[in-house]
Each structure stands twice: as structure tokens, then as C-alpha cells.
């Protein structure tokens, strides 16, 4: 029903999935903001790909697969992003 646009079905899936997704994200992130960002990214991806869920595996297993993929992509982007170096402070002479 959620695939066909049923808002109530969508809300039911969201409310049932949020605790599991948040727990997954909290184990993979440091800090509240990072956890919330990963939780949101996972839920957005799951709903974007909802039409790919065939029901041949339990919902939680499918959702965990989506969560792992989103997390792998997040980590890959973080590895490719160059670390920001702190600006160099010129040495000053103490007189």
C-alpha cells in the first residue's frame, strides 16, 4: 500500500522502522548529529527503493541491507574526502 502512495501505510512502516534504523546508525556513528543524518539517509533510501521490496525476505532483513549499503557509501565518501588541515600558524619570536 505504501508503494501505491497510501500515507497511513507509509507512516506505519516509518514508525516501525525508525527504532531499528536509529539503533543501527548509533552503532556506526559518533555523535547525535551524525547518527540522525545516517538514520535519515537510510530511511530516505529505503522509501526511494520501496518498490524493490518483493516480500521474499522479512522487512527487517531487507531494511538492514539498505542500511548497510548506505553506510558503506557514506564511509567511502569520507575516505575519498581529503582531511582538512589546520591552518598553519607562523612561528613567532618571543622577545
Protein backbone atom coordinates (compact mmCIF):
# COMPACT_ATOMS: atom_id res chain seq x y z
CA UNK A 1 0.00 0.00 0.00
CA UNK A 2 2.84 2.41 0.78
CA UNK A 3 4.25 1.88 -2.71
CA UNK A 4 0.92 2.99 -4.15
CA UNK A 5 1.03 6.18 -2.07
CA UNK A 6 -1.04 5.20 0.97
CA UNK A 7 0.11 7.73 3.57
CA UNK A 8 -1.12 5.68 6.52
CA UNK A 9 0.83 2.63 5.33
CA UNK A 10 3.91 4.83 4.84
CA UNK A 11 3.61 6.20 8.38
CA UNK A 12 3.18 2.70 9.81
CA UNK A 13 6.34 1.50 8.08
CA UNK A 14 8.25 4.60 9.15
CA UNK A 15 7.24 4.28 12.82
CA UNK A 16 8.04 0.57 12.88
CA UNK A 17 11.41 1.07 11.16
CA UNK A 18 12.72 4.13 12.97
CA UNK A 19 13.92 2.44 16.19
CA UNK A 20 15.79 -0.29 14.30
CA UNK A 21 17.40 2.14 11.86
CA UNK A 22 18.34 4.56 14.62
CA UNK A 23 19.95 1.75 16.64
CA UNK A 24 21.94 0.68 13.56
CA UNK A 25 23.08 4.25 12.91
CA UNK A 26 24.04 4.87 16.54
CA UNK A 27 26.38 1.86 16.44
CA UNK A 28 28.11 3.24 13.35
CA UNK A 29 28.37 6.94 14.16
CA UNK A 30 29.90 9.14 16.76
CA UNK A 31 27.60 11.87 17.97
CA UNK A 32 23.93 12.66 17.79
CA UNK A 33 24.04 14.71 14.60
CA UNK A 34 25.91 12.05 12.64
CA UNK A 35 23.53 9.37 13.94
CA UNK A 36 20.50 11.41 12.92
CA UNK A 37 21.96 12.14 9.50
CA UNK A 38 22.65 8.46 8.83
CA UNK A 39 19.21 7.48 10.13
CA UNK A 40 17.60 9.96 7.76
CA UNK A 41 19.72 8.84 4.81
CA UNK A 42 18.81 5.19 5.41
CA UNK A 43 15.07 5.88 5.69
CA UNK A 44 15.07 8.11 2.61
CA UNK A 45 16.86 5.43 0.59
CA UNK A 46 14.53 2.71 1.88
CA UNK A 47 11.48 4.66 0.80
CA UNK A 48 13.05 5.58 -2.53
CA UNK A 49 13.66 1.89 -3.18
CA UNK A 50 10.46 0.61 -1.59
CA UNK A 51 9.21 -0.65 -4.93
CA UNK A 52 12.17 -3.06 -4.98
CA UNK A 53 11.00 -4.84 -1.82
CA UNK A 54 9.40 -8.07 -3.01
CA UNK A 55 8.41 -9.57 0.33
CA UNK A 56 10.56 -12.67 -0.18
CA UNK A 57 12.62 -11.79 2.92
CA UNK A 58 11.47 -10.22 6.18
CA UNK A 59 11.18 -6.41 6.07
CA UNK A 60 13.85 -6.01 8.78
CA UNK A 61 16.36 -8.04 6.76
CA UNK A 62 15.73 -6.00 3.62
CA UNK A 63 15.94 -2.75 5.57
CA UNK A 64 19.23 -3.86 7.16
CA UNK A 65 20.62 -4.48 3.68
CA UNK A 66 19.65 -0.95 2.66
CA UNK A 67 21.18 0.43 5.87
CA UNK A 68 24.46 -1.37 5.28
CA UNK A 69 24.66 -0.11 1.70
CA UNK A 70 24.01 3.50 2.73
CA UNK A 71 26.63 3.20 5.47
CA UNK A 72 29.20 1.72 3.04
CA UNK A 73 28.60 4.60 0.65
CA UNK A 74 28.91 7.15 3.47
CA UNK A 75 32.22 5.64 4.58
CA UNK A 76 33.55 5.53 1.01
CA UNK A 77 32.80 9.23 0.56
CA UNK A 78 34.50 10.01 3.87
CA UNK A 79 37.64 8.11 2.77
CA UNK A 80 37.81 9.98 -0.53
CA UNK A 81 37.33 13.40 1.05
CA UNK A 82 40.69 14.95 1.89
CA UNK A 83 41.09 15.82 5.52
CA UNK A 84 41.16 19.47 6.26
CA UNK A 85 44.47 20.52 7.70
CA UNK A 86 44.51 23.12 10.39
CA UNK A 87 45.81 26.42 9.10
CA UNK A 88 49.47 26.83 9.85
CA UNK A 89 50.36 29.31 12.47
CA UNK A 90 53.53 31.21 11.66
CA UNK A 91 56.20 30.88 14.25
CA UNK A 92 56.55 33.99 16.30
CA UNK A 93 59.61 35.06 18.11
CA UNK A 94 59.15 35.59 21.80
CA UNK A 95 61.07 38.63 22.93
